[in-house]
């Protein structure tokens, strides 16, 4: 093994179980409409792999999971009996994804897939089909990414065509999805406009203990309940119902699927909205909550003694001093030294970013490999599967076959093996 993730399985699983229990406690309701934690399983599986996290979700007793794309859903459906929420909104104009949606819709597992709809055109396309289709509507929050405005949602659900679609069962509405920012909202999205939402959303004063982010979710939740009450009333009075109440087929819609609320915010939101189900979608905190429970490590594959000025590597960069060049497992294919643009907001962060840029312009880059307690310099940018690291004279140099720790971004890391989680 050359690039591995070593996991303290007992400690890691204790962390995920503690998150599950804490979330369940926060959203518990005396009205028996609790909901549950929805683990997010997407991309590279937070470094652990999606299939492994599916197995862990089952171990945690969770009956719903969320994936990023329909492609991920197609890969995982056969290996889980959970309901699968696809976070990326369905859109018929995405032809490539549409082909996979069609494959999933014709599979035996189609009834366990929940679509996210963030555009009236997507709703219309699904409403025109034979169904049944399970879906959540996404509201356009201060996150400013996907979603419909409050007015668009109100107009959509008040349409006469909606009653027919819901009564026929072609669409099974399962709630409102809210993707909130990681930090508290910077703009005032607390008052959601729209005549149909006015009395419930604008007039009430938010409870004092709610954060800005929880207040935004609370106002959306209030408005959602108003819309649901209006839709239920119209369904129950529709001649198409033929005396049978439609509300029983509509109860699953009284739910909020929320992202990026901590347990304190979930608890305060539960107190403010006691009679609506909550499904917190959580990934990073669930799988990466205890960073001491796992570590990335590269295997030393070769140790070459060098003197200052010795050239090495594809680009024949010169060693900055006496010591050794270590060839260590772990390169760009594993996600080593890949990073997103820096999130700089303070003077110190800007200074660090500027200094790093100057060093890289001079051909020097600090590697994420930790040798004798410190990060060491790359000889040159990492190769696809290995990296060349300069170990200066005077430090303890690892031998071939030993492992060295690596600081790696887990959401972009791909390991040759994950050790310590065998059942």
Protein backbone atom coordinates (compact mmCIF):
# COMPACT_ATOMS: atom_id res chain seq x y z
CA UNK A 1 0.00 0.00 0.00
CA UNK A 2 1.43 3.42 -0.89
CA UNK A 3 -1.23 5.97 0.05
CA UNK A 4 -3.62 4.89 2.75
CA UNK A 5 -6.15 6.14 5.26
CA UNK A 6 -5.58 4.65 8.69
CA UNK A 7 -8.74 4.76 10.81
CA UNK A 8 -9.33 4.10 14.48
CA UNK A 9 -12.58 2.34 13.67
CA UNK A 10 -14.00 2.27 17.19
CA UNK A 11 -13.34 5.96 17.79
CA UNK A 12 -14.58 7.01 14.34
CA UNK A 13 -17.80 5.06 14.70
CA UNK A 14 -18.34 6.43 18.20
CA UNK A 15 -18.12 9.94 16.72
CA UNK A 16 -20.70 9.28 14.00
CA UNK A 17 -23.03 7.62 16.50
CA UNK A 18 -22.71 10.62 18.82
CA UNK A 19 -23.62 12.99 15.97
CA UNK A 20 -26.66 10.89 15.11
CA UNK A 21 -27.84 10.82 18.73
CA UNK A 22 -27.29 14.55 19.19
CA UNK A 23 -29.23 15.42 16.02
CA UNK A 24 -32.10 13.14 16.97
CA UNK A 25 -32.27 14.77 20.38
CA UNK A 26 -32.28 18.26 18.85
CA UNK A 27 -35.17 17.58 16.49
CA UNK A 28 -37.26 15.45 18.85
CA UNK A 29 -40.85 16.70 19.01
CA UNK A 30 -43.69 16.04 21.40
CA UNK A 31 -45.92 16.05 18.30
CA UNK A 32 -44.25 12.81 17.09
CA UNK A 33 -43.11 14.41 13.84
CA UNK A 34 -39.40 14.20 14.54
CA UNK A 35 -37.82 13.31 11.19
CA UNK A 36 -34.23 12.04 11.27
CA UNK A 37 -30.66 12.71 10.28
CA UNK A 38 -29.98 12.22 6.55
CA UNK A 39 -26.32 11.32 5.95
CA UNK A 40 -24.76 12.96 2.89
CA UNK A 41 -22.78 10.48 0.81
CA UNK A 42 -21.25 12.02 -2.30
CA UNK A 43 -18.13 12.69 -4.33
CA UNK A 44 -15.26 10.65 -2.99
CA UNK A 45 -17.22 9.68 0.12
CA UNK A 46 -15.32 12.25 2.20
CA UNK A 47 -12.21 10.15 1.59
CA UNK A 48 -13.78 6.93 2.91
CA UNK A 49 -15.60 5.96 -0.29
CA UNK A 50 -19.32 6.16 -0.98
CA UNK A 51 -20.02 2.45 -0.66
CA UNK A 52 -18.33 2.29 2.73
CA UNK A 53 -20.44 5.22 3.95
CA UNK A 54 -23.61 3.51 2.69
CA UNK A 55 -22.69 0.57 4.92
CA UNK A 56 -22.04 2.91 7.84
CA UNK A 57 -25.41 4.63 7.35
CA UNK A 58 -27.06 1.22 7.61
CA UNK A 59 -25.09 0.51 10.79
CA UNK A 60 -26.36 3.79 12.23
CA UNK A 61 -29.94 2.72 11.55
CA UNK A 62 -30.63 5.57 9.12
CA UNK A 63 -33.29 4.90 6.49
CA UNK A 64 -32.58 7.86 4.19
CA UNK A 65 -29.37 9.00 2.54
CA UNK A 66 -28.53 11.98 0.32
CA UNK A 67 -26.22 11.79 -2.68
CA UNK A 68 -24.87 14.58 -4.84
CA UNK A 69 -25.89 13.45 -8.32
CA UNK A 70 -28.08 10.95 -10.13
CA UNK A 71 -24.87 9.24 -11.29
CA UNK A 72 -23.98 8.51 -7.67
CA UNK A 73 -27.52 7.35 -6.97
CA UNK A 74 -27.38 4.92 -9.90
CA UNK A 75 -24.13 3.45 -8.53
CA UNK A 76 -25.45 2.99 -4.99
CA UNK A 77 -29.14 2.07 -5.30
CA UNK A 78 -28.58 -1.65 -5.62
CA UNK A 79 -26.43 -1.75 -2.48
CA UNK A 80 -28.82 0.00 -0.11
CA UNK A 81 -32.46 -0.31 0.88
CA UNK A 82 -32.59 3.31 2.04
CA UNK A 83 -34.52 6.11 0.36
CA UNK A 84 -32.07 8.15 -1.73
CA UNK A 85 -32.40 11.93 -2.04
CA UNK A 86 -30.51 13.40 -5.04
CA UNK A 87 -29.28 16.86 -4.04
CA UNK A 88 -28.50 18.23 -7.50
CA UNK A 89 -31.83 19.43 -8.88
CA UNK A 90 -33.48 17.46 -11.65
CA UNK A 91 -33.66 19.44 -14.88
CA UNK A 92 -34.87 17.96 -18.17
CA UNK A 93 -32.53 20.27 -20.07
CA UNK A 94 -29.52 18.36 -18.70
CA UNK A 95 -29.57 15.69 -21.39
CA UNK A 96 -26.67 13.61 -20.06
CA UNK A 97 -28.11 13.39 -16.56
CA UNK A 98 -31.56 12.88 -18.08
CA UNK A 99 -30.45 9.63 -19.71
CA UNK A 100 -29.40 8.25 -16.31
CA UNK A 101 -32.60 9.53 -14.71
CA UNK A 102 -34.52 7.52 -17.31
CA UNK A 103 -32.51 4.39 -16.51
CA UNK A 104 -33.15 4.79 -12.79
CA UNK A 105 -36.86 5.49 -13.39
CA UNK A 106 -37.19 2.15 -15.19
CA UNK A 107 -35.30 0.20 -12.51
CA UNK A 108 -36.77 -1.80 -9.66
CA UNK A 109 -35.39 0.76 -7.18
CA UNK A 110 -37.06 3.81 -8.70
CA UNK A 111 -39.60 4.14 -5.87
CA UNK A 112 -36.79 4.83 -3.38
CA UNK A 113 -35.40 7.86 -5.26
CA UNK A 114 -36.38 11.38 -4.21
CA UNK A 115 -35.70 14.16 -6.70
CA UNK A 116 -34.91 17.77 -5.88
CA UNK A 117 -36.81 20.27 -8.04
CA UNK A 118 -35.60 23.86 -8.15
CA UNK A 119 -37.30 25.19 -11.27
CA UNK A 120 -40.96 25.35 -12.35
CA UNK A 121 -40.02 23.86 -15.73
CA UNK A 122 -38.66 20.74 -14.04
CA UNK A 123 -41.91 20.35 -12.07
CA UNK A 124 -43.92 20.73 -15.28
CA UNK A 125 -41.86 18.05 -17.04
CA UNK A 126 -42.43 15.59 -14.19
CA UNK A 127 -46.11 16.49 -13.91
CA UNK A 128 -46.57 15.64 -17.58
CA UNK A 129 -45.15 12.15 -17.09
CA UNK A 130 -46.87 9.00 -15.84
CA UNK A 131 -45.31 9.07 -12.38
CA UNK A 132 -45.25 8.38 -9.58
CA UNK A 133 -42.31 10.66 -8.79
CA UNK A 134 -41.19 11.52 -5.28
CA UNK A 135 -39.68 15.00 -4.90
CA UNK A 136 -38.79 17.90 -2.66
CA UNK A 137 -38.98 21.53 -3.74
CA UNK A 138 -35.87 23.60 -3.08
CA UNK A 139 -36.26 27.17 -1.87
CA UNK A 140 -33.84 29.87 -2.99
CA UNK A 141 -32.15 30.77 0.28
CA UNK A 142 -29.37 33.25 1.05
CA UNK A 143 -27.00 30.55 -0.24
CA UNK A 144 -27.98 31.87 -3.67
CA UNK A 145 -27.39 28.67 -5.60
CA UNK A 146 -30.37 26.52 -6.62
CA UNK A 147 -34.00 27.09 -5.75
CA UNK A 148 -37.33 28.76 -6.41
CA UNK A 149 -38.41 31.98 -4.79
CA UNK A 150 -41.30 31.98 -2.36
CA UNK A 151 -43.56 33.51 -5.01
CA UNK A 152 -42.61 30.87 -7.57
CA UNK A 153 -43.41 28.09 -5.10
CA UNK A 154 -46.73 29.68 -4.14
CA UNK A 155 -47.71 30.17 -7.80
CA UNK A 156 -46.69 26.62 -8.66
CA UNK A 157 -48.63 24.94 -5.88
CA UNK A 158 -51.72 27.14 -6.27
CA UNK A 159 -52.11 26.23 -9.95
CA UNK A 160 -55.29 24.27 -10.77
CA UNK A 161 -53.12 21.72 -12.57
CA UNK A 162 -51.31 20.97 -9.31
CA UNK A 163 -54.42 19.53 -7.67
CA UNK A 164 -54.85 17.02 -10.48
CA UNK A 165 -51.17 16.04 -10.40
CA UNK A 166 -51.17 15.49 -6.63
CA UNK A 167 -54.53 13.70 -6.52
CA UNK A 168 -53.48 11.38 -9.34
CA UNK A 169 -50.27 10.54 -7.49
CA UNK A 170 -48.04 11.45 -10.45
CA UNK A 171 -46.08 13.62 -8.02
CA UNK A 172 -45.58 12.77 -4.38
CA UNK A 173 -44.44 15.94 -2.62
CA UNK A 174 -42.16 15.19 0.33
CA UNK A 175 -41.14 18.54 1.67
CA UNK A 176 -39.21 21.77 1.25
CA UNK A 177 -35.42 21.69 0.90
CA UNK A 178 -33.32 24.54 2.32
CA UNK A 179 -29.59 24.74 1.60
CA UNK A 180 -28.20 27.39 3.94
CA UNK A 181 -24.73 28.99 4.01
CA UNK A 182 -21.97 27.77 6.33
CA UNK A 183 -21.69 31.21 7.91
CA UNK A 184 -24.55 33.38 9.08
CA UNK A 185 -26.37 35.10 6.17
CA UNK A 186 -24.93 38.49 5.24
CA UNK A 187 -28.07 39.82 3.55
CA UNK A 188 -31.54 40.14 4.96
CA UNK A 189 -33.38 37.08 3.74
CA UNK A 190 -35.43 36.82 6.88
CA UNK A 191 -38.56 38.44 5.43
CA UNK A 192 -39.70 36.40 2.46
CA UNK A 193 -41.95 38.45 0.13
CA UNK A 194 -45.16 37.33 -1.50
CA UNK A 195 -48.82 38.07 -0.86
CA UNK A 196 -49.71 34.48 -0.05
CA UNK A 197 -46.91 34.25 2.50
CA UNK A 198 -47.34 37.70 4.03
CA UNK A 199 -49.39 36.97 7.13
CA UNK A 200 -47.37 33.94 8.15
CA UNK A 201 -43.93 35.08 7.11
CA UNK A 202 -43.60 38.83 7.40
CA UNK A 203 -45.88 39.65 10.31
CA UNK A 204 -44.58 37.36 13.10
CA UNK A 205 -41.54 38.45 15.07
CA UNK A 206 -38.84 35.80 15.06
CA UNK A 207 -38.07 34.23 18.43
CA UNK A 208 -35.16 36.10 19.99
CA UNK A 209 -33.01 33.01 20.46
CA UNK A 210 -32.84 32.12 16.75
CA UNK A 211 -29.67 32.84 14.80
CA UNK A 212 -29.94 34.63 11.44
CA UNK A 213 -29.60 31.29 9.68
CA UNK A 214 -32.22 29.57 11.83
CA UNK A 215 -34.52 32.60 11.43
CA UNK A 216 -34.32 32.23 7.66
CA UNK A 217 -35.26 28.55 7.95
CA UNK A 218 -38.08 29.43 10.39
CA UNK A 219 -39.65 31.95 8.02
CA UNK A 220 -39.46 29.51 5.14
CA UNK A 221 -41.02 26.88 7.38
CA UNK A 222 -43.90 29.15 8.36
CA UNK A 223 -44.62 30.01 4.75
CA UNK A 224 -44.38 26.37 3.71
CA UNK A 225 -47.03 25.44 6.27
CA UNK A 226 -49.32 28.17 4.92
CA UNK A 227 -48.94 26.86 1.38
CA UNK A 228 -49.53 23.26 2.46
CA UNK A 229 -52.68 24.22 4.35
CA UNK A 230 -53.96 26.03 1.26
CA UNK A 231 -53.16 23.10 -1.04
CA UNK A 232 -54.73 20.57 1.34
CA UNK A 233 -57.91 22.62 1.56
CA UNK A 234 -58.21 22.82 -2.21
CA UNK A 235 -57.50 19.11 -2.62
CA UNK A 236 -60.11 18.14 -0.08
CA UNK A 237 -62.71 20.29 -1.81
CA UNK A 238 -61.90 19.05 -5.29
CA UNK A 239 -64.61 16.97 -7.03
CA UNK A 240 -61.83 14.67 -8.25
CA UNK A 241 -61.33 13.40 -4.71
CA UNK A 242 -64.83 11.90 -4.74
CA UNK A 243 -65.36 12.24 -1.02
CA UNK A 244 -61.99 10.83 0.01
CA UNK A 245 -59.79 13.18 1.92
CA UNK A 246 -56.54 13.95 0.12
CA UNK A 247 -54.76 15.11 3.22
CA UNK A 248 -53.62 11.58 4.11
CA UNK A 249 -51.68 11.38 0.85
CA UNK A 250 -50.19 14.80 1.48
CA UNK A 251 -48.84 14.50 5.02
CA UNK A 252 -45.28 13.68 3.91
CA UNK A 253 -45.01 17.18 2.44
CA UNK A 254 -44.99 18.75 5.92
CA UNK A 255 -41.22 18.42 6.18
CA UNK A 256 -38.09 20.54 6.01
CA UNK A 257 -34.90 19.07 4.56
CA UNK A 258 -32.21 21.43 5.87
CA UNK A 259 -28.45 21.73 5.49
CA UNK A 260 -25.85 23.50 7.63
CA UNK A 261 -27.75 24.03 10.87
CA UNK A 262 -25.91 23.03 14.02
CA UNK A 263 -27.64 21.17 16.83
CA UNK A 264 -28.37 24.35 18.76
CA UNK A 265 -30.04 25.87 15.71
CA UNK A 266 -31.94 22.65 15.03
CA UNK A 267 -33.21 22.62 18.60
CA UNK A 268 -34.37 26.23 18.49
CA UNK A 269 -35.96 25.67 15.08
CA UNK A 270 -37.76 22.61 16.43
CA UNK A 271 -39.14 24.69 19.31
CA UNK A 272 -40.35 27.35 16.87
CA UNK A 273 -41.84 24.80 14.43
CA UNK A 274 -43.10 21.97 16.66
CA UNK A 275 -45.41 20.29 14.14
CA UNK A 276 -43.24 19.78 11.05
CA UNK A 277 -40.79 16.96 10.32
CA UNK A 278 -37.12 17.87 10.04
CA UNK A 279 -34.50 16.06 8.03
CA UNK A 280 -31.05 17.61 8.65
CA UNK A 281 -28.69 16.65 5.82
CA UNK A 282 -25.22 16.24 7.30
CA UNK A 283 -21.95 15.10 5.76
CA UNK A 284 -18.80 16.75 7.05
CA UNK A 285 -19.77 16.75 10.73
CA UNK A 286 -20.96 13.15 10.57
CA UNK A 287 -18.01 11.60 8.76
CA UNK A 288 -15.15 14.00 9.58
CA UNK A 289 -16.22 15.21 13.03
CA UNK A 290 -13.30 13.64 14.92
CA UNK A 291 -10.19 14.35 12.89
CA UNK A 292 -8.02 12.52 15.42
CA UNK A 293 -9.83 9.27 14.55
CA UNK A 294 -8.10 8.94 11.16
CA UNK A 295 -4.96 9.99 9.35
CA UNK A 296 -3.68 9.95 5.80
CA UNK A 297 -0.29 8.40 5.27
CA UNK A 298 2.14 7.81 2.45
CA UNK A 299 4.59 4.93 2.24
CA UNK A 300 8.29 5.72 1.76
CA UNK A 301 9.28 3.97 -1.47
CA UNK A 302 12.91 5.12 -1.86
CA UNK A 303 15.53 7.20 0.00
CA UNK A 304 18.26 8.82 -2.09
CA UNK A 305 21.08 10.70 -0.37
CA UNK A 306 21.93 14.02 -2.05
CA UNK A 307 24.15 17.03 -1.56
CA UNK A 308 23.16 20.64 -2.06
CA UNK A 309 22.55 21.43 -5.73
CA UNK A 310 21.91 17.84 -6.83
CA UNK A 311 19.35 17.83 -9.65
CA UNK A 312 16.38 15.47 -9.58
CA UNK A 313 12.90 14.97 -10.94
CA UNK A 314 11.21 15.61 -14.27
CA UNK A 315 12.25 19.25 -14.23
CA UNK A 316 15.70 18.63 -12.75
CA UNK A 317 15.15 20.92 -9.78
CA UNK A 318 18.14 21.23 -7.48
CA UNK A 319 18.13 20.14 -3.86
CA UNK A 320 18.20 23.20 -1.56
CA UNK A 321 20.71 21.56 0.80
CA UNK A 322 22.39 18.38 1.91
CA UNK A 323 20.16 15.52 3.02
CA UNK A 324 17.96 13.04 1.18
CA UNK A 325 15.28 12.95 -1.46
CA UNK A 326 12.41 10.76 -0.34
CA UNK A 327 10.11 9.14 -2.87
CA UNK A 328 6.77 8.81 -1.08
CA UNK A 329 3.52 7.26 -2.24
CA UNK A 330 0.89 9.88 -2.85
CA UNK A 331 0.48 12.21 -5.82
CA UNK A 332 -2.05 14.18 -7.76
CA UNK A 333 -4.12 11.06 -8.50
CA UNK A 334 -4.57 10.71 -4.74
CA UNK A 335 -5.45 14.38 -4.25
CA UNK A 336 -2.08 15.37 -2.77
CA UNK A 337 -1.43 19.12 -2.88
CA UNK A 338 -4.76 19.83 -4.60
CA UNK A 339 -6.55 22.78 -3.03
CA UNK A 340 -9.45 25.12 -3.62
CA UNK A 341 -8.97 28.89 -3.88
CA UNK A 342 -8.00 30.33 -0.50
CA UNK A 343 -10.78 31.72 1.69
CA UNK A 344 -8.85 34.77 2.88
CA UNK A 345 -10.63 37.35 4.99
CA UNK A 346 -8.10 38.62 7.54
CA UNK A 347 -4.86 40.58 7.10
CA UNK A 348 -2.87 37.60 8.38
CA UNK A 349 -4.51 35.22 5.89
CA UNK A 350 -3.78 37.61 3.04
CA UNK A 351 -0.15 37.87 4.12
CA UNK A 352 0.20 34.08 4.26
CA UNK A 353 -1.40 33.70 0.83
CA UNK A 354 0.87 36.37 -0.62
CA UNK A 355 3.96 34.79 0.89
CA UNK A 356 3.02 31.36 -0.39
CA UNK A 357 2.51 32.79 -3.87
CA UNK A 358 5.96 34.38 -3.85
CA UNK A 359 7.59 31.10 -2.80
CA UNK A 360 5.76 29.14 -5.50
CA UNK A 361 6.80 31.73 -8.08
CA UNK A 362 10.38 31.06 -7.01
CA UNK A 363 9.88 27.32 -7.51
CA UNK A 364 9.49 26.34 -3.85
CA UNK A 365 6.36 24.61 -2.52
CA UNK A 366 5.82 23.25 0.96
CA UNK A 367 4.52 19.71 0.81
CA UNK A 368 1.78 18.23 3.04
CA UNK A 369 4.09 15.37 4.10
CA UNK A 370 5.18 15.56 7.75
CA UNK A 371 8.64 14.22 8.47
CA UNK A 372 10.22 14.44 11.92
CA UNK A 373 7.40 16.70 13.11
CA UNK A 374 7.39 19.28 10.30
CA UNK A 375 6.08 19.68 6.78
CA UNK A 376 8.91 19.36 4.28
CA UNK A 377 9.51 20.93 0.86
CA UNK A 378 8.69 19.36 -2.48
CA UNK A 379 11.62 18.96 -4.83
CA UNK A 380 9.10 19.64 -7.60
CA UNK A 381 5.32 19.48 -7.92
CA UNK A 382 3.93 16.03 -7.06
CA UNK A 383 3.81 13.37 -9.77
CA UNK A 384 0.63 11.43 -10.46
CA UNK A 385 1.20 8.74 -7.81
CA UNK A 386 4.36 9.69 -5.93
CA UNK A 387 6.01 12.82 -4.55
CA UNK A 388 9.67 13.80 -4.23
CA UNK A 389 10.38 15.38 -0.85
CA UNK A 390 13.61 16.94 0.42
CA UNK A 391 14.60 15.78 3.89
CA UNK A 392 17.38 18.12 5.16
CA UNK A 393 20.37 16.69 6.96
CA UNK A 394 20.07 16.55 10.73
CA UNK A 395 16.50 15.24 10.92
CA UNK A 396 15.26 11.69 11.47
CA UNK A 397 14.76 10.21 8.00
CA UNK A 398 12.22 7.40 7.64
CA UNK A 399 13.26 4.13 6.00
CA UNK A 400 11.72 2.47 2.97
CA UNK A 401 8.41 0.89 3.94
CA UNK A 402 7.67 3.30 6.77
CA UNK A 403 4.59 5.53 6.73
CA UNK A 404 4.62 9.30 7.03
CA UNK A 405 1.58 11.40 7.86
CA UNK A 406 0.06 13.67 5.22
CA UNK A 407 -2.14 16.75 5.62
CA UNK A 408 -4.75 16.21 2.93
CA UNK A 409 -8.13 17.62 2.06
CA UNK A 410 -10.48 14.69 2.68
CA UNK A 411 -13.07 15.75 0.11
CA UNK A 412 -10.49 15.49 -2.68
CA UNK A 413 -8.45 12.55 -1.38
CA UNK A 414 -8.43 9.11 -3.02
CA UNK A 415 -6.70 6.36 -1.07
CA UNK A 416 -5.29 3.08 -2.27
CA UNK A 417 -6.81 1.49 0.82
CA UNK A 418 -8.80 2.41 3.93
CA UNK A 419 -7.51 0.48 6.92
CA UNK A 420 -9.22 -0.13 10.25
CA UNK A 421 -12.87 -0.30 9.18
CA UNK A 422 -13.22 -3.96 8.27
CA UNK A 423 -16.44 -5.41 9.70
